[in-house]
Amino acid sequence: MLSSLIDVTESMWPPSDRNIDHLYELIRRAASSYFGCDIYPTINEKVANILYVIAKNHDFENGNKRTAIVVSHTTMMVNGIYIIIEPDELYHTVIEVVESVPRDKDSVIAALSNQLKSSTKSMPRPFDNETLEKISEIT
């Protein structure tokens, strides 16, 4: 399914260091907390936030929606969850996110979180915690 979304005629590469740094910051913010409580307590809420902010922030000249989809899928897979959404449905969902007004951010993220919750299944985690720590040290 991802390959059907990634196969494009317009290139989105190469991204600049600024693009990559900002992308990293957006992803990191999804795991932030406030007074010791996660702002987005569930993996679905975290990933919904990641998809929202990457798609809406337009860090790249081209490919923001695709980047949001790939990062969301990857985040879920690393956490042992597989997203089961048809490509057309996923495309229309991301378009709705991009076209939403900023004041509706919380309700859009809540709707995305609910959609993810109802469109996922568990899978074996591809990496154990030790491997993930080693990967994070590289980046």
C-alpha atoms as a PDB file:
ATOM      1  CA  MET A   1       0.000   0.000   0.000  1.00  0.00           C
ATOM      2  CA  LEU A   2       2.724   2.527   0.867  1.00  0.00           C
ATOM      3  CA  SER A   3       4.377   1.982  -2.489  1.00  0.00           C
ATOM      4  CA  SER A   4       1.233   3.220  -4.247  1.00  0.00           C
ATOM      5  CA  LEU A   5       1.481   6.456  -2.284  1.00  0.00           C
ATOM      6  CA  ILE A   6       5.211   6.910  -2.752  1.00  0.00           C
ATOM      7  CA  ASP A   7       5.364   6.305  -6.508  1.00  0.00           C
ATOM      8  CA  VAL A   8       5.289   9.895  -7.774  1.00  0.00           C
ATOM      9  CA  THR A   9       6.530  11.862 -10.738  1.00  0.00           C
ATOM     10  CA  GLU A  10       7.579  14.934  -8.760  1.00  0.00           C
ATOM     11  CA  SER A  11      10.596  14.603  -6.522  1.00  0.00           C
ATOM     12  CA  MET A  12      10.508  15.807  -2.931  1.00  0.00           C
ATOM     13  CA  TRP A  13      14.240  15.333  -2.437  1.00  0.00           C
ATOM     14  CA  PRO A  14      16.768  16.388  -1.396  1.00  0.00           C
ATOM     15  CA  PRO A  15      15.440  17.901   1.819  1.00  0.00           C
ATOM     16  CA  SER A  16      17.572  20.507   3.557  1.00  0.00           C
ATOM     17  CA  ASP A  17      19.038  20.076   7.027  1.00  0.00           C
ATOM     18  CA  ARG A  18      16.515  22.655   8.239  1.00  0.00           C
ATOM     19  CA  ASN A  19      13.661  20.507   6.896  1.00  0.00           C
ATOM     20  CA  ILE A  20      14.976  17.396   8.618  1.00  0.00           C
ATOM     21  CA  ASP A  21      15.626  19.215  11.908  1.00  0.00           C
ATOM     22  CA  HIS A  22      12.103  20.644  11.933  1.00  0.00           C
ATOM     23  CA  LEU A  23      10.598  17.263  11.025  1.00  0.00           C
ATOM     24  CA  TYR A  24      12.473  15.707  13.949  1.00  0.00           C
ATOM     25  CA  GLU A  25      11.169  18.439  16.269  1.00  0.00           C
ATOM     26  CA  LEU A  26       7.560  17.877  15.149  1.00  0.00           C
ATOM     27  CA  ILE A  27       7.854  14.150  15.825  1.00  0.00           C
ATOM     28  CA  ARG A  28       9.530  14.737  19.200  1.00  0.00           C
ATOM     29  CA  ARG A  29       6.743  17.099  20.286  1.00  0.00           C
ATOM     30  CA  ALA A  30       4.167  14.307  19.952  1.00  0.00           C
ATOM     31  CA  ALA A  31       5.844  12.603  22.932  1.00  0.00           C
ATOM     32  CA  SER A  32       5.994  15.735  25.087  1.00  0.00           C
ATOM     33  CA  SER A  33       4.361  16.052  28.478  1.00  0.00           C
ATOM     34  CA  TYR A  34       2.890  18.795  30.609  1.00  0.00           C
ATOM     35  CA  PHE A  35       3.311  18.606  34.390  1.00  0.00           C
ATOM     36  CA  GLY A  36       4.290  14.967  34.076  1.00  0.00           C
ATOM     37  CA  CYS A  37       1.305  13.914  31.933  1.00  0.00           C
ATOM     38  CA  ASP A  38       1.622  13.050  28.260  1.00  0.00           C
ATOM     39  CA  ILE A  39      -0.132  15.600  26.092  1.00  0.00           C
ATOM     40  CA  TYR A  40      -1.030  12.753  23.739  1.00  0.00           C
ATOM     41  CA  PRO A  41      -1.262   9.715  26.050  1.00  0.00           C
ATOM     42  CA  THR A  42      -2.001   6.947  23.522  1.00  0.00           C
ATOM     43  CA  ILE A  43      -0.016   5.839  20.490  1.00  0.00           C
ATOM     44  CA  ASN A  44      -3.041   6.655  18.314  1.00  0.00           C
ATOM     45  CA  GLU A  45      -3.143  10.228  19.629  1.00  0.00           C
ATOM     46  CA  LYS A  46       0.613  10.632  19.196  1.00  0.00           C
ATOM     47  CA  VAL A  47       0.512   9.375  15.609  1.00  0.00           C
ATOM     48  CA  ALA A  48      -2.579  11.454  14.806  1.00  0.00           C
ATOM     49  CA  ASN A  49      -0.680  14.509  16.020  1.00  0.00           C
ATOM     50  CA  ILE A  50       2.391  13.563  13.967  1.00  0.00           C
ATOM     51  CA  LEU A  51       0.296  13.110  10.831  1.00  0.00           C
ATOM     52  CA  TYR A  52      -1.486  16.412  11.442  1.00  0.00           C
ATOM     53  CA  VAL A  53       1.577  18.574  12.074  1.00  0.00           C
ATOM     54  CA  ILE A  54       3.692  17.136   9.266  1.00  0.00           C
ATOM     55  CA  ALA A  55       0.900  17.442   6.706  1.00  0.00           C
ATOM     56  CA  LYS A  56      -0.067  20.969   7.825  1.00  0.00           C
ATOM     57  CA  ASN A  57       3.384  22.525   8.359  1.00  0.00           C
ATOM     58  CA  HIS A  58       4.566  22.328   4.739  1.00  0.00           C
ATOM     59  CA  ASP A  59       8.232  21.888   5.616  1.00  0.00           C
ATOM     60  CA  PHE A  60       8.981  20.529   2.171  1.00  0.00           C
ATOM     61  CA  GLU A  61       8.312  22.140  -1.179  1.00  0.00           C
ATOM     62  CA  ASN A  62       6.632  18.906  -2.214  1.00  0.00           C
ATOM     63  CA  GLY A  63       5.746  15.670  -0.418  1.00  0.00           C
ATOM     64  CA  ASN A  64       4.361  16.835   2.943  1.00  0.00           C
ATOM     65  CA  LYS A  65       1.306  14.579   2.849  1.00  0.00           C
ATOM     66  CA  ARG A  66       3.384  11.585   1.741  1.00  0.00           C
ATOM     67  CA  THR A  67       5.944  12.269   4.452  1.00  0.00           C
ATOM     68  CA  ALA A  68       3.154  12.464   7.053  1.00  0.00           C
ATOM     69  CA  ILE A  69       1.760   9.116   5.902  1.00  0.00           C
ATOM     70  CA  VAL A  70       5.126   7.341   5.839  1.00  0.00           C
ATOM     71  CA  VAL A  71       6.216   8.686   9.238  1.00  0.00           C
ATOM     72  CA  SER A  72       2.831   7.736  10.738  1.00  0.00           C
ATOM     73  CA  HIS A  73       2.965   4.208   9.339  1.00  0.00           C
ATOM     74  CA  THR A  74       6.556   3.757  10.446  1.00  0.00           C
ATOM     75  CA  THR A  75       5.837   5.002  13.970  1.00  0.00           C
ATOM     76  CA  MET A  76       2.938   2.589  14.323  1.00  0.00           C
ATOM     77  CA  MET A  77       4.932  -0.357  12.924  1.00  0.00           C
ATOM     78  CA  VAL A  78       7.850   0.274  15.278  1.00  0.00           C
ATOM     79  CA  ASN A  79       5.295   0.083  18.088  1.00  0.00           C
ATOM     80  CA  GLY A  80       3.865  -3.204  16.847  1.00  0.00           C
ATOM     81  CA  ILE A  81       0.759  -1.813  15.169  1.00  0.00           C
ATOM     82  CA  TYR A  82      -0.215  -2.090  11.517  1.00  0.00           C
ATOM     83  CA  ILE A  83      -2.531   0.521   9.965  1.00  0.00           C
ATOM     84  CA  ILE A  84      -5.208  -1.045   7.778  1.00  0.00           C
ATOM     85  CA  ILE A  85      -6.661   1.781   5.708  1.00  0.00           C
ATOM     86  CA  GLU A  86      -7.242   1.665   1.966  1.00  0.00           C
ATOM     87  CA  PRO A  87      -4.950   4.079   0.083  1.00  0.00           C
ATOM     88  CA  ASP A  88      -7.872   6.130  -1.278  1.00  0.00           C
ATOM     89  CA  GLU A  89      -9.397   6.501   2.193  1.00  0.00           C
ATOM     90  CA  LEU A  90      -6.024   7.455   3.656  1.00  0.00           C
ATOM     91  CA  TYR A  91      -5.431   9.989   0.876  1.00  0.00           C
ATOM     92  CA  HIS A  92      -8.819  11.632   1.457  1.00  0.00           C
ATOM     93  CA  THR A  93      -8.236  11.674   5.216  1.00  0.00           C
ATOM     94  CA  VAL A  94      -4.921  13.481   4.778  1.00  0.00           C
ATOM     95  CA  ILE A  95      -6.501  15.943   2.329  1.00  0.00           C
ATOM     96  CA  GLU A  96      -9.162  16.700   4.961  1.00  0.00           C
ATOM     97  CA  VAL A  97      -6.401  17.310   7.499  1.00  0.00           C
ATOM     98  CA  VAL A  98      -4.591  19.718   5.194  1.00  0.00           C
ATOM     99  CA  GLU A  99      -7.802  21.586   4.363  1.00  0.00           C
ATOM    100  CA  SER A 100      -8.927  21.835   8.000  1.00  0.00           C
ATOM    101  CA  VAL A 101      -8.766  25.159   9.803  1.00  0.00           C
ATOM    102  CA  PRO A 102      -6.162  25.499  12.575  1.00  0.00           C
ATOM    103  CA  ARG A 103      -8.765  26.225  15.285  1.00  0.00           C
ATOM    104  CA  ASP A 104     -10.132  22.698  14.724  1.00  0.00           C
ATOM    105  CA  LYS A 105      -6.754  21.037  15.387  1.00  0.00           C
ATOM    106  CA  ASP A 106      -7.862  19.236  18.569  1.00  0.00           C
ATOM    107  CA  SER A 107     -11.036  17.831  17.012  1.00  0.00           C
ATOM    108  CA  VAL A 108      -9.182  16.808  13.832  1.00  0.00           C
ATOM    109  CA  ILE A 109      -6.533  14.992  15.890  1.00  0.00           C
ATOM    110  CA  ALA A 110      -9.264  13.312  17.975  1.00  0.00           C
ATOM    111  CA  ALA A 111     -11.028  12.136  14.794  1.00  0.00           C
ATOM    112  CA  LEU A 112      -7.721  10.869  13.350  1.00  0.00           C
ATOM    113  CA  SER A 113      -6.958   9.068  16.602  1.00  0.00           C
ATOM    114  CA  ASN A 114     -10.365   7.355  16.521  1.00  0.00           C
ATOM    115  CA  GLN A 115      -9.869   6.387  12.884  1.00  0.00           C
ATOM    116  CA  LEU A 116      -6.475   4.894  13.706  1.00  0.00           C
ATOM    117  CA  LYS A 117      -7.911   3.028  16.690  1.00  0.00           C
ATOM    118  CA  SER A 118     -10.552   1.394  14.505  1.00  0.00           C
ATOM    119  CA  SER A 119      -8.177   0.760  11.568  1.00  0.00           C
ATOM    120  CA  THR A 120      -5.233  -1.015  13.164  1.00  0.00           C
ATOM    121  CA  LYS A 121      -4.150  -4.479  14.179  1.00  0.00           C
ATOM    122  CA  SER A 122      -1.314  -5.711  16.337  1.00  0.00           C
ATOM    123  CA  MET A 123       1.778  -7.215  14.792  1.00  0.00           C
ATOM    124  CA  PRO A 124       5.112  -8.368  16.179  1.00  0.00           C
ATOM    125  CA  ARG A 125       7.368  -5.421  16.975  1.00  0.00           C
ATOM    126  CA  PRO A 126      10.166  -5.332  14.404  1.00  0.00           C
ATOM    127  CA  PHE A 127      12.711  -4.108  16.982  1.00  0.00           C
ATOM    128  CA  ASP A 128      13.248  -4.716  20.675  1.00  0.00           C
ATOM    129  CA  ASN A 129      13.918  -1.769  23.000  1.00  0.00           C
ATOM    130  CA  GLU A 130      17.681  -2.321  22.967  1.00  0.00           C
ATOM    131  CA  THR A 131      17.789  -2.131  19.167  1.00  0.00           C
ATOM    132  CA  LEU A 132      15.620   1.008  19.166  1.00  0.00           C
ATOM    133  CA  GLU A 133      17.998   2.656  21.642  1.00  0.00           C
ATOM    134  CA  LYS A 134      20.959   1.845  19.392  1.00  0.00           C
ATOM    135  CA  ILE A 135      19.131   3.260  16.376  1.00  0.00           C
ATOM    136  CA  SER A 136      18.270   6.457  18.263  1.00  0.00           C
ATOM    137  CA  GLU A 137      21.938   6.896  19.221  1.00  0.00           C
ATOM    138  CA  ILE A 138      22.895   6.873  15.526  1.00  0.00           C
ATOM    139  CA  THR A 139      20.485   9.644  14.568  1.00  0.00           C
END
